[in-house]
Full PDB file with SEQRES, HELIX, SHEET, SSBOND, CRYST1, ORIGX, SCALE, CONECT and MASTER records, all heavy atoms in Angstrom:
SEQRES   1 A   33  ILE ASN PHE THR LEU LEU LYS GLU VAL GLY ASP ILE CYS          
SEQRES   2 A   33  LEU ASN GLN THR ALA ASP LYS ASP THR ILE TYR GLU MET          
SEQRES   3 A   33  PHE ASP PHE TYR ARG GLU CYS                                  
HELIX    1 AA1 LYS A   20  GLU A   32  1                                  13    
SHEET    1 AA1 2 ASN A   2  GLU A   8  0                                        
SHEET    2 AA1 2 ASP A  11  THR A  17 -1                                        
CRYST1    1.000    1.000    1.000  90.00  90.00  90.00 P 1           1          
ORIGX1      1.000000  0.000000  0.000000        0.00000                         
ORIGX2      0.000000  1.000000  0.000000        0.00000                         
ORIGX3      0.000000  0.000000  1.000000        0.00000                         
SCALE1      1.000000  0.000000  0.000000        0.00000                         
SCALE2      0.000000  1.000000  0.000000        0.00000                         
SCALE3      0.000000  0.000000  1.000000        0.00000                         
ATOM      1  N   ILE A   1     -36.346   7.201  -3.922  1.00  0.00           N  
ATOM      2  CA  ILE A   1     -36.517   5.863  -4.495  1.00  0.00           C  
ATOM      3  C   ILE A   1     -37.872   5.800  -5.200  1.00  0.00           C  
ATOM      4  O   ILE A   1     -38.908   6.114  -4.616  1.00  0.00           O  
ATOM      5  CB  ILE A   1     -36.397   4.781  -3.404  1.00  0.00           C  
ATOM      6  CG1 ILE A   1     -34.996   4.819  -2.772  1.00  0.00           C  
ATOM      7  CG2 ILE A   1     -36.686   3.394  -3.977  1.00  0.00           C  
ATOM      8  CD1 ILE A   1     -34.855   4.001  -1.507  1.00  0.00           C  
ATOM      9  N   ASN A   2     -37.842   5.444  -6.473  1.00  0.00           N  
ATOM     10  CA  ASN A   2     -39.050   5.414  -7.291  1.00  0.00           C  
ATOM     11  C   ASN A   2     -39.662   4.029  -7.370  1.00  0.00           C  
ATOM     12  O   ASN A   2     -38.964   3.044  -7.615  1.00  0.00           O  
ATOM     13  CB  ASN A   2     -38.707   5.858  -8.723  1.00  0.00           C  
ATOM     14  CG  ASN A   2     -38.944   7.334  -8.909  1.00  0.00           C  
ATOM     15  OD1 ASN A   2     -40.013   7.838  -8.553  1.00  0.00           O  
ATOM     16  ND2 ASN A   2     -37.963   8.030  -9.453  1.00  0.00           N  
ATOM     17  N   PHE A   3     -40.959   3.967  -7.211  1.00  0.00           N  
ATOM     18  CA  PHE A   3     -41.690   2.702  -7.329  1.00  0.00           C  
ATOM     19  C   PHE A   3     -42.777   2.828  -8.394  1.00  0.00           C  
ATOM     20  O   PHE A   3     -43.323   3.907  -8.611  1.00  0.00           O  
ATOM     21  CB  PHE A   3     -42.378   2.343  -6.006  1.00  0.00           C  
ATOM     22  CG  PHE A   3     -41.445   2.085  -4.866  1.00  0.00           C  
ATOM     23  CD1 PHE A   3     -41.072   3.111  -4.004  1.00  0.00           C  
ATOM     24  CD2 PHE A   3     -40.932   0.806  -4.642  1.00  0.00           C  
ATOM     25  CE1 PHE A   3     -40.207   2.882  -2.938  1.00  0.00           C  
ATOM     26  CE2 PHE A   3     -40.066   0.571  -3.582  1.00  0.00           C  
ATOM     27  CZ  PHE A   3     -39.710   1.598  -2.730  1.00  0.00           C  
ATOM     28  N   THR A   4     -43.082   1.694  -9.018  1.00  0.00           N  
ATOM     29  CA  THR A   4     -44.279   1.585  -9.830  1.00  0.00           C  
ATOM     30  C   THR A   4     -45.312   0.882  -8.959  1.00  0.00           C  
ATOM     31  O   THR A   4     -45.070  -0.241  -8.505  1.00  0.00           O  
ATOM     32  CB  THR A   4     -43.995   0.759 -11.106  1.00  0.00           C  
ATOM     33  OG1 THR A   4     -43.112   1.511 -11.937  1.00  0.00           O  
ATOM     34  CG2 THR A   4     -45.272   0.451 -11.862  1.00  0.00           C  
ATOM     35  N   LEU A   5     -46.418   1.551  -8.693  1.00  0.00           N  
ATOM     36  CA  LEU A   5     -47.450   0.971  -7.822  1.00  0.00           C  
ATOM     37  C   LEU A   5     -48.767   0.812  -8.587  1.00  0.00           C  
ATOM     38  O   LEU A   5     -48.916   1.338  -9.695  1.00  0.00           O  
ATOM     39  CB  LEU A   5     -47.654   1.837  -6.574  1.00  0.00           C  
ATOM     40  CG  LEU A   5     -46.408   2.082  -5.702  1.00  0.00           C  
ATOM     41  CD1 LEU A   5     -46.744   2.963  -4.500  1.00  0.00           C  
ATOM     42  CD2 LEU A   5     -45.780   0.771  -5.229  1.00  0.00           C  
ATOM     43  N   LEU A   6     -49.692   0.093  -8.003  1.00  0.00           N  
ATOM     44  CA  LEU A   6     -50.981  -0.184  -8.651  1.00  0.00           C  
ATOM     45  C   LEU A   6     -52.145   0.237  -7.759  1.00  0.00           C  
ATOM     46  O   LEU A   6     -52.192  -0.127  -6.589  1.00  0.00           O  
ATOM     47  CB  LEU A   6     -51.120  -1.689  -8.937  1.00  0.00           C  
ATOM     48  CG  LEU A   6     -50.121  -2.337  -9.897  1.00  0.00           C  
ATOM     49  CD1 LEU A   6     -50.350  -3.843  -9.947  1.00  0.00           C  
ATOM     50  CD2 LEU A   6     -50.262  -1.750 -11.291  1.00  0.00           C  
ATOM     51  N   LYS A   7     -53.100   0.974  -8.355  1.00  0.00           N  
ATOM     52  CA  LYS A   7     -54.353   1.283  -7.663  1.00  0.00           C  
ATOM     53  C   LYS A   7     -55.288   0.097  -7.747  1.00  0.00           C  
ATOM     54  O   LYS A   7     -56.117  -0.145  -6.877  1.00  0.00           O  
ATOM     55  CB  LYS A   7     -55.039   2.463  -8.372  1.00  0.00           C  
ATOM     56  CG  LYS A   7     -54.986   3.749  -7.604  1.00  0.00           C  
ATOM     57  CD  LYS A   7     -55.765   4.824  -8.329  1.00  0.00           C  
ATOM     58  CE  LYS A   7     -55.108   6.150  -7.984  1.00  0.00           C  
ATOM     59  NZ  LYS A   7     -55.516   7.255  -8.774  1.00  0.00           N  
ATOM     60  N   GLU A   8     -55.176  -0.615  -8.852  1.00  0.00           N  
ATOM     61  CA  GLU A   8     -56.046  -1.746  -9.165  1.00  0.00           C  
ATOM     62  C   GLU A   8     -55.274  -2.532 -10.220  1.00  0.00           C  
ATOM     63  O   GLU A   8     -54.301  -2.036 -10.760  1.00  0.00           O  
ATOM     64  CB  GLU A   8     -57.355  -1.147  -9.698  1.00  0.00           C  
ATOM     65  CG  GLU A   8     -58.567  -2.027  -9.984  1.00  0.00           C  
ATOM     66  CD  GLU A   8     -58.824  -3.218  -9.089  1.00  0.00           C  
ATOM     67  OE1 GLU A   8     -58.079  -4.208  -9.229  1.00  0.00           O  
ATOM     68  OE2 GLU A   8     -59.773  -3.196  -8.315  1.00  0.00           O  
ATOM     69  N   VAL A   9     -55.674  -3.752 -10.505  1.00  0.00           N  
ATOM     70  CA  VAL A   9     -55.001  -4.507 -11.575  1.00  0.00           C  
ATOM     71  C   VAL A   9     -55.124  -3.687 -12.867  1.00  0.00           C  
ATOM     72  O   VAL A   9     -56.222  -3.286 -13.254  1.00  0.00           O  
ATOM     73  CB  VAL A   9     -55.652  -5.894 -11.763  1.00  0.00           C  
ATOM     74  CG1 VAL A   9     -55.026  -6.618 -12.959  1.00  0.00           C  
ATOM     75  CG2 VAL A   9     -55.485  -6.731 -10.504  1.00  0.00           C  
ATOM     76  N   GLY A  10     -53.985  -3.381 -13.483  1.00  0.00           N  
ATOM     77  CA  GLY A  10     -53.989  -2.610 -14.734  1.00  0.00           C  
ATOM     78  C   GLY A  10     -54.066  -1.101 -14.558  1.00  0.00           C  
ATOM     79  O   GLY A  10     -53.934  -0.356 -15.526  1.00  0.00           O  
ATOM     80  N   ASP A  11     -54.272  -0.622 -13.335  1.00  0.00           N  
ATOM     81  CA  ASP A  11     -54.331   0.833 -13.082  1.00  0.00           C  
ATOM     82  C   ASP A  11     -53.013   1.250 -12.435  1.00  0.00           C  
ATOM     83  O   ASP A  11     -52.807   1.101 -11.228  1.00  0.00           O  
ATOM     84  CB  ASP A  11     -55.537   1.153 -12.181  1.00  0.00           C  
ATOM     85  CG  ASP A  11     -55.764   2.659 -12.042  1.00  0.00           C  
ATOM     86  OD1 ASP A  11     -54.905   3.435 -12.506  1.00  0.00           O  
ATOM     87  OD2 ASP A  11     -56.796   3.051 -11.464  1.00  0.00           O  
ATOM     88  N   ILE A  12     -52.107   1.761 -13.272  1.00  0.00           N  
ATOM     89  CA  ILE A  12     -50.694   1.908 -12.894  1.00  0.00           C  
ATOM     90  C   ILE A  12     -50.383   3.322 -12.409  1.00  0.00           C  
ATOM     91  O   ILE A  12     -50.782   4.307 -13.033  1.00  0.00           O  
ATOM     92  CB  ILE A  12     -49.818   1.562 -14.127  1.00  0.00           C  
ATOM     93  CG1 ILE A  12     -50.070   0.110 -14.557  1.00  0.00           C  
ATOM     94  CG2 ILE A  12     -48.347   1.779 -13.844  1.00  0.00           C  
ATOM     95  CD1 ILE A  12     -49.920  -0.134 -16.039  1.00  0.00           C  
ATOM     96  N   CYS A  13     -49.664   3.410 -11.290  1.00  0.00           N  
ATOM     97  CA  CYS A  13     -49.213   4.706 -10.750  1.00  0.00           C  
ATOM     98  C   CYS A  13     -47.689   4.750 -10.847  1.00  0.00           C  
ATOM     99  O   CYS A  13     -47.002   4.042 -10.106  1.00  0.00           O  
ATOM    100  CB  CYS A  13     -49.632   4.861  -9.294  1.00  0.00           C  
ATOM    101  SG  CYS A  13     -51.404   4.705  -9.025  1.00  0.00           S  
ATOM    102  N   LEU A  14     -47.190   5.576 -11.740  1.00  0.00           N  
ATOM    103  CA  LEU A  14     -45.738   5.666 -11.966  1.00  0.00           C  
ATOM    104  C   LEU A  14     -45.095   6.658 -10.998  1.00  0.00           C  
ATOM    105  O   LEU A  14     -45.761   7.520 -10.432  1.00  0.00           O  
ATOM    106  CB  LEU A  14     -45.453   6.120 -13.403  1.00  0.00           C  
ATOM    107  CG  LEU A  14     -46.003   5.249 -14.532  1.00  0.00           C  
ATOM    108  CD1 LEU A  14     -45.711   5.903 -15.877  1.00  0.00           C  
ATOM    109  CD2 LEU A  14     -45.415   3.851 -14.484  1.00  0.00           C  
ATOM    110  N   ASN A  15     -43.770   6.544 -10.848  1.00  0.00           N  
ATOM    111  CA  ASN A  15     -42.956   7.527 -10.108  1.00  0.00           C  
ATOM    112  C   ASN A  15     -43.480   7.799  -8.699  1.00  0.00           C  
ATOM    113  O   ASN A  15     -43.550   8.938  -8.257  1.00  0.00           O  
ATOM    114  CB  ASN A  15     -42.868   8.845 -10.901  1.00  0.00           C  
ATOM    115  CG  ASN A  15     -42.316   8.631 -12.293  1.00  0.00           C  
ATOM    116  OD1 ASN A  15     -41.417   7.818 -12.498  1.00  0.00           O  
ATOM    117  ND2 ASN A  15     -42.864   9.333 -13.271  1.00  0.00           N  
ATOM    118  N   GLN A  16     -43.855   6.733  -8.007  1.00  0.00           N  
ATOM    119  CA  GLN A  16     -44.298   6.863  -6.626  1.00  0.00           C  
ATOM    120  C   GLN A  16     -43.085   6.756  -5.699  1.00  0.00           C  
ATOM    121  O   GLN A  16     -42.179   5.974  -5.959  1.00  0.00           O  
ATOM    122  CB  GLN A  16     -45.296   5.752  -6.280  1.00  0.00           C  
ATOM    123  CG  GLN A  16     -46.537   5.748  -7.165  1.00  0.00           C  
ATOM    124  CD  GLN A  16     -47.385   6.979  -6.956  1.00  0.00           C  
ATOM    125  OE1 GLN A  16     -47.821   7.270  -5.846  1.00  0.00           O  
ATOM    126  NE2 GLN A  16     -47.622   7.723  -8.026  1.00  0.00           N  
ATOM    127  N   THR A  17     -43.093   7.528  -4.637  1.00  0.00           N  
ATOM    128  CA  THR A  17     -41.966   7.460  -3.703  1.00  0.00           C  
ATOM    129  C   THR A  17     -42.467   7.036  -2.320  1.00  0.00           C  
ATOM    130  O   THR A  17     -43.658   7.130  -2.029  1.00  0.00           O  
ATOM    131  CB  THR A  17     -41.243   8.825  -3.587  1.00  0.00           C  
ATOM    132  OG1 THR A  17     -42.192   9.794  -3.163  1.00  0.00           O  
ATOM    133  CG2 THR A  17     -40.650   9.237  -4.919  1.00  0.00           C  
ATOM    134  N   ALA A  18     -41.542   6.567  -1.509  1.00  0.00           N  
ATOM    135  CA  ALA A  18     -41.872   6.195  -0.132  1.00  0.00           C  
ATOM    136  C   ALA A  18     -40.691   6.586   0.742  1.00  0.00           C  
ATOM    137  O   ALA A  18     -39.540   6.456   0.327  1.00  0.00           O  
ATOM    138  CB  ALA A  18     -42.127   4.693  -0.043  1.00  0.00           C  
ATOM    139  N   ASP A  19     -40.977   7.075   1.946  1.00  0.00           N  
ATOM    140  CA  ASP A  19     -39.873   7.461   2.824  1.00  0.00           C  
ATOM    141  C   ASP A  19     -39.281   6.223   3.503  1.00  0.00           C  
ATOM    142  O   ASP A  19     -39.827   5.123   3.423  1.00  0.00           O  
ATOM    143  CB  ASP A  19     -40.309   8.522   3.845  1.00  0.00           C  
ATOM    144  CG  ASP A  19     -41.421   8.030   4.765  1.00  0.00           C  
ATOM    145  OD1 ASP A  19     -41.544   6.801   4.974  1.00  0.00           O  
ATOM    146  OD2 ASP A  19     -42.178   8.876   5.281  1.00  0.00           O  
ATOM    147  N   LYS A  20     -38.169   6.455   4.180  1.00  0.00           N  
ATOM    148  CA  LYS A  20     -37.408   5.360   4.782  1.00  0.00           C  
ATOM    149  C   LYS A  20     -38.258   4.553   5.773  1.00  0.00           C  
ATOM    150  O   LYS A  20     -38.235   3.322   5.761  1.00  0.00           O  
ATOM    151  CB  LYS A  20     -36.174   5.936   5.489  1.00  0.00           C  
ATOM    152  CG  LYS A  20     -35.114   4.915   5.830  1.00  0.00           C  
ATOM    153  CD  LYS A  20     -33.868   5.634   6.361  1.00  0.00           C  
ATOM    154  CE  LYS A  20     -32.718   4.683   6.541  1.00  0.00           C  
ATOM    155  NZ  LYS A  20     -31.492   5.375   6.950  1.00  0.00           N  
ATOM    156  N   ASP A  21     -39.028   5.244   6.610  1.00  0.00           N  
ATOM    157  CA  ASP A  21     -39.857   4.543   7.606  1.00  0.00           C  
ATOM    158  C   ASP A  21     -40.862   3.611   6.941  1.00  0.00           C  
ATOM    159  O   ASP A  21     -41.074   2.481   7.381  1.00  0.00           O  
ATOM    160  CB  ASP A  21     -40.613   5.557   8.495  1.00  0.00           C  
ATOM    161  CG  ASP A  21     -39.667   6.264   9.466  1.00  0.00           C  
ATOM    162  OD1 ASP A  21     -38.513   5.805   9.610  1.00  0.00           O  
ATOM    163  OD2 ASP A  21     -40.077   7.273  10.067  1.00  0.00           O  
ATOM    164  N   THR A  22     -41.483   4.110   5.867  1.00  0.00           N  
ATOM    165  CA  THR A  22     -42.491   3.307   5.148  1.00  0.00           C  
ATOM    166  C   THR A  22     -41.833   2.088   4.508  1.00  0.00           C  
ATOM    167  O   THR A  22     -42.388   0.986   4.519  1.00  0.00           O  
ATOM    168  CB  THR A  22     -43.197   4.162   4.071  1.00  0.00           C  
ATOM    169  OG1 THR A  22     -43.666   5.357   4.680  1.00  0.00           O  
ATOM    170  CG2 THR A  22     -44.356   3.415   3.448  1.00  0.00           C  
ATOM    171  N   ILE A  23     -40.627   2.288   3.966  1.00  0.00           N  
ATOM    172  CA  ILE A  23     -39.904   1.179   3.331  1.00  0.00           C  
ATOM    173  C   ILE A  23     -39.538   0.125   4.389  1.00  0.00           C  
ATOM    174  O   ILE A  23     -39.668  -1.081   4.147  1.00  0.00           O  
ATOM    175  CB  ILE A  23     -38.672   1.711   2.564  1.00  0.00           C  
ATOM    176  CG1 ILE A  23     -39.146   2.437   1.292  1.00  0.00           C  
ATOM    177  CG2 ILE A  23     -37.704   0.581   2.208  1.00  0.00           C  
ATOM    178  CD1 ILE A  23     -38.080   3.227   0.561  1.00  0.00           C  
ATOM    179  N   TYR A  24     -39.133   0.560   5.581  1.00  0.00           N  
ATOM    180  CA  TYR A  24     -38.798  -0.387   6.649  1.00  0.00           C  
ATOM    181  C   TYR A  24     -40.050  -1.115   7.142  1.00  0.00           C  
ATOM    182  O   TYR A  24     -39.991  -2.305   7.461  1.00  0.00           O  
ATOM    183  CB  TYR A  24     -38.066   0.322   7.795  1.00  0.00           C  
ATOM    184  CG  TYR A  24     -36.614   0.651   7.463  1.00  0.00           C  
ATOM    185  CD1 TYR A  24     -36.191   0.756   6.132  1.00  0.00           C  
ATOM    186  CD2 TYR A  24     -35.673   0.862   8.456  1.00  0.00           C  
ATOM    187  CE1 TYR A  24     -34.868   1.061   5.826  1.00  0.00           C  
ATOM    188  CE2 TYR A  24     -34.338   1.166   8.150  1.00  0.00           C  
ATOM    189  CZ  TYR A  24     -33.947   1.261   6.826  1.00  0.00           C  
ATOM    190  OH  TYR A  24     -32.644   1.558   6.507  1.00  0.00           O  
ATOM    191  N   GLU A  25     -41.192  -0.413   7.174  1.00  0.00           N  
ATOM    192  CA  GLU A  25     -42.478  -1.065   7.499  1.00  0.00           C  
ATOM    193  C   GLU A  25     -42.808  -2.139   6.463  1.00  0.00           C  
ATOM    194  O   GLU A  25     -43.327  -3.197   6.794  1.00  0.00           O  
ATOM    195  CB  GLU A  25     -43.610  -0.032   7.463  1.00  0.00           C  
ATOM    196  CG  GLU A  25     -43.911   0.664   8.756  1.00  0.00           C  
ATOM    197  CD  GLU A  25     -44.897   1.813   8.514  1.00  0.00           C  
ATOM    198  OE1 GLU A  25     -45.873   1.622   7.754  1.00  0.00           O  
ATOM    199  OE2 GLU A  25     -44.664   2.894   9.058  1.00  0.00           O  
ATOM    200  N   MET A  26     -42.517  -1.816   5.202  1.00  0.00           N  
ATOM    201  CA  MET A  26     -42.751  -2.758   4.102  1.00  0.00           C  
ATOM    202  C   MET A  26     -41.907  -4.021   4.309  1.00  0.00           C  
ATOM    203  O   MET A  26     -42.396  -5.141   4.117  1.00  0.00           O  
ATOM    204  CB  MET A  26     -42.397  -2.074   2.776  1.00  0.00           C  
ATOM    205  CG  MET A  26     -42.395  -2.950   1.548  1.00  0.00           C  
ATOM    206  SD  MET A  26     -41.627  -2.083   0.155  1.00  0.00           S  
ATOM    207  CE  MET A  26     -39.872  -2.269   0.539  1.00  0.00           C  
ATOM    208  N   PHE A  27     -40.655  -3.860   4.724  1.00  0.00           N  
ATOM    209  CA  PHE A  27     -39.805  -5.030   5.008  1.00  0.00           C  
ATOM    210  C   PHE A  27     -40.377  -5.845   6.169  1.00  0.00           C  
ATOM    211  O   PHE A  27     -40.374  -7.082   6.134  1.00  0.00           O  
ATOM    212  CB  PHE A  27     -38.367  -4.600   5.337  1.00  0.00           C  
ATOM    213  CG  PHE A  27     -37.580  -4.059   4.170  1.00  0.00           C  
ATOM    214  CD1 PHE A  27     -36.640  -3.044   4.357  1.00  0.00           C  
ATOM    215  CD2 PHE A  27     -37.757  -4.565   2.887  1.00  0.00           C  
ATOM    216  CE1 PHE A  27     -35.894  -2.542   3.290  1.00  0.00           C  
ATOM    217  CE2 PHE A  27     -37.028  -4.077   1.816  1.00  0.00           C  
ATOM    218  CZ  PHE A  27     -36.082  -3.060   2.010  1.00  0.00           C  
ATOM    219  N   ASP A  28     -40.888  -5.147   7.192  1.00  0.00           N  
ATOM    220  CA  ASP A  28     -41.533  -5.837   8.329  1.00  0.00           C  
ATOM    221  C   ASP A  28     -42.717  -6.672   7.836  1.00  0.00           C  
ATOM    222  O   ASP A  28     -42.870  -7.837   8.201  1.00  0.00           O  
ATOM    223  CB  ASP A  28     -42.047  -4.825   9.375  1.00  0.00           C  
ATOM    224  CG  ASP A  28     -40.920  -4.210  10.209  1.00  0.00           C  
ATOM    225  OD1 ASP A  28     -39.825  -4.800  10.250  1.00  0.00           O  
ATOM    226  OD2 ASP A  28     -41.162  -3.160  10.814  1.00  0.00           O  
ATOM    227  N   PHE A  29     -43.549  -6.039   7.016  1.00  0.00           N  
ATOM    228  CA  PHE A  29     -44.735  -6.729   6.468  1.00  0.00           C  
ATOM    229  C   PHE A  29     -44.317  -7.972   5.689  1.00  0.00           C  
ATOM    230  O   PHE A  29     -44.876  -9.053   5.861  1.00  0.00           O  
ATOM    231  CB  PHE A  29     -45.526  -5.786   5.554  1.00  0.00           C  
ATOM    232  CG  PHE A  29     -46.601  -6.479   4.748  1.00  0.00           C  
ATOM    233  CD1 PHE A  29     -47.847  -6.721   5.300  1.00  0.00           C  
ATOM    234  CD2 PHE A  29     -46.366  -6.899   3.441  1.00  0.00           C  
ATOM    235  CE1 PHE A  29     -48.836  -7.385   4.567  1.00  0.00           C  
ATOM    236  CE2 PHE A  29     -47.344  -7.561   2.704  1.00  0.00           C  
ATOM    237  CZ  PHE A  29     -48.580  -7.799   3.279  1.00  0.00           C  
ATOM    238  N   TYR A  30     -43.302  -7.809   4.841  1.00  0.00           N  
ATOM    239  CA  TYR A  30     -42.821  -8.927   4.023  1.00  0.00           C  
ATOM    240  C   TYR A  30     -42.388 -10.098   4.918  1.00  0.00           C  
ATOM    241  O   TYR A  30     -42.799 -11.239   4.705  1.00  0.00           O  
ATOM    242  CB  TYR A  30     -41.655  -8.473   3.134  1.00  0.00           C  
ATOM    243  CG  TYR A  30     -40.982  -9.639   2.425  1.00  0.00           C  
ATOM    244  CD1 TYR A  30     -41.457 -10.090   1.208  1.00  0.00           C  
ATOM    245  CD2 TYR A  30     -39.911 -10.315   3.008  1.00  0.00           C  
ATOM    246  CE1 TYR A  30     -40.882 -11.182   0.582  1.00  0.00           C  
ATOM    247  CE2 TYR A  30     -39.336 -11.397   2.390  1.00  0.00           C  
ATOM    248  CZ  TYR A  30     -39.821 -11.830   1.178  1.00  0.00           C  
ATOM    249  OH  TYR A  30     -39.252 -12.916   0.565  1.00  0.00           O  
ATOM    250  N   ARG A  31     -41.552  -9.810   5.903  1.00  0.00           N  
ATOM    251  CA  ARG A  31     -41.022 -10.882   6.745  1.00  0.00           C  
ATOM    252  C   ARG A  31     -42.133 -11.564   7.537  1.00  0.00           C  
ATOM    253  O   ARG A  31     -42.105 -12.784   7.733  1.00  0.00           O  
ATOM    254  CB  ARG A  31     -39.944 -10.326   7.687  1.00  0.00           C  
ATOM    255  CG  ARG A  31     -38.661  -9.982   6.909  1.00  0.00           C  
ATOM    256  CD  ARG A  31     -37.618  -9.314   7.784  1.00  0.00           C  
ATOM    257  NE  ARG A  31     -37.264 -10.142   8.917  1.00  0.00           N  
ATOM    258  CZ  ARG A  31     -37.002  -9.671  10.140  1.00  0.00           C  
ATOM    259  NH1 ARG A  31     -37.085  -8.373  10.378  1.00  0.00           N  
ATOM    260  NH2 ARG A  31     -36.670 -10.489  11.104  1.00  0.00           N  
ATOM    261  N   GLU A  32     -43.118 -10.780   7.964  1.00  0.00           N  
ATOM    262  CA  GLU A  32     -44.216 -11.345   8.742  1.00  0.00           C  
ATOM    263  C   GLU A  32     -45.127 -12.222   7.878  1.00  0.00           C  
ATOM    264  O   GLU A  32     -45.395 -13.370   8.207  1.00  0.00           O  
ATOM    265  CB  GLU A  32     -45.027 -10.188   9.343  1.00  0.00           C  
ATOM    266  CG  GLU A  32     -45.972 -10.639  10.436  1.00  0.00           C  
ATOM    267  CD  GLU A  32     -46.713  -9.459  11.057  1.00  0.00           C  
ATOM    268  OE1 GLU A  32     -46.062  -8.400  11.266  1.00  0.00           O  
ATOM    269  OE2 GLU A  32     -47.905  -9.598  11.330  1.00  0.00           O  
ATOM    270  N   CYS A  33     -45.533 -11.694   6.700  1.00  0.00           N  
ATOM    271  CA  CYS A  33     -46.504 -12.462   5.906  1.00  0.00           C  
ATOM    272  C   CYS A  33     -45.855 -13.641   5.173  1.00  0.00           C  
ATOM    273  O   CYS A  33     -46.512 -14.631   4.878  1.00  0.00           O  
ATOM    274  CB  CYS A  33     -47.287 -11.561   4.946  1.00  0.00           C  
ATOM    275  SG  CYS A  33     -46.422 -11.155   3.447  1.00  0.00           S  
TER     276      CYS A  33                                                      
MASTER        0    0    0    1    2    0    0    6  275    1    0    3          
END                                                                             
Protein backbone atom coordinates (compact mmCIF):
# COMPACT_ATOMS: atom_id res chain seq x y z
CA ILE A 1 0.00 0.00 0.00
CA ASN A 2 1.51 3.29 -1.15
CA PHE A 3 1.22 6.53 0.78
CA THR A 4 2.25 10.10 0.11
CA LEU A 5 3.76 11.36 3.36
CA LEU A 6 5.28 14.65 4.53
CA LYS A 7 8.55 15.35 6.35
CA GLU A 8 7.49 18.96 6.74
CA VAL A 9 4.88 21.20 5.10
CA GLY A 10 5.82 21.12 1.40
CA ASP A 11 8.52 18.44 1.88
CA ILE A 12 6.91 15.47 0.15
CA CYS A 13 7.90 11.79 0.47
CA LEU A 14 6.39 9.72 -2.34
CA ASN A 15 5.84 5.94 -2.53
CA GLN A 16 6.02 5.33 1.21
CA THR A 17 4.75 2.01 2.51
CA ALA A 18 3.52 0.82 5.89
CA ASP A 19 2.97 -2.71 7.16
CA LYS A 20 -0.34 -4.02 8.42
CA ASP A 21 0.49 -3.51 12.12
CA THR A 22 1.46 0.13 11.54
CA ILE A 23 -1.74 0.73 9.54
CA TYR A 24 -3.84 -0.77 12.38
CA GLU A 25 -1.96 1.45 14.88
CA MET A 26 -2.85 4.40 12.64
CA PHE A 27 -6.55 3.44 12.85
CA ASP A 28 -6.21 3.24 16.66
CA PHE A 29 -4.65 6.71 16.72
CA TYR A 30 -7.41 8.10 14.51
CA ARG A 31 -10.23 6.71 16.66
CA GLU A 32 -8.58 7.91 19.86
CA CYS A 33 -7.74 11.46 18.78
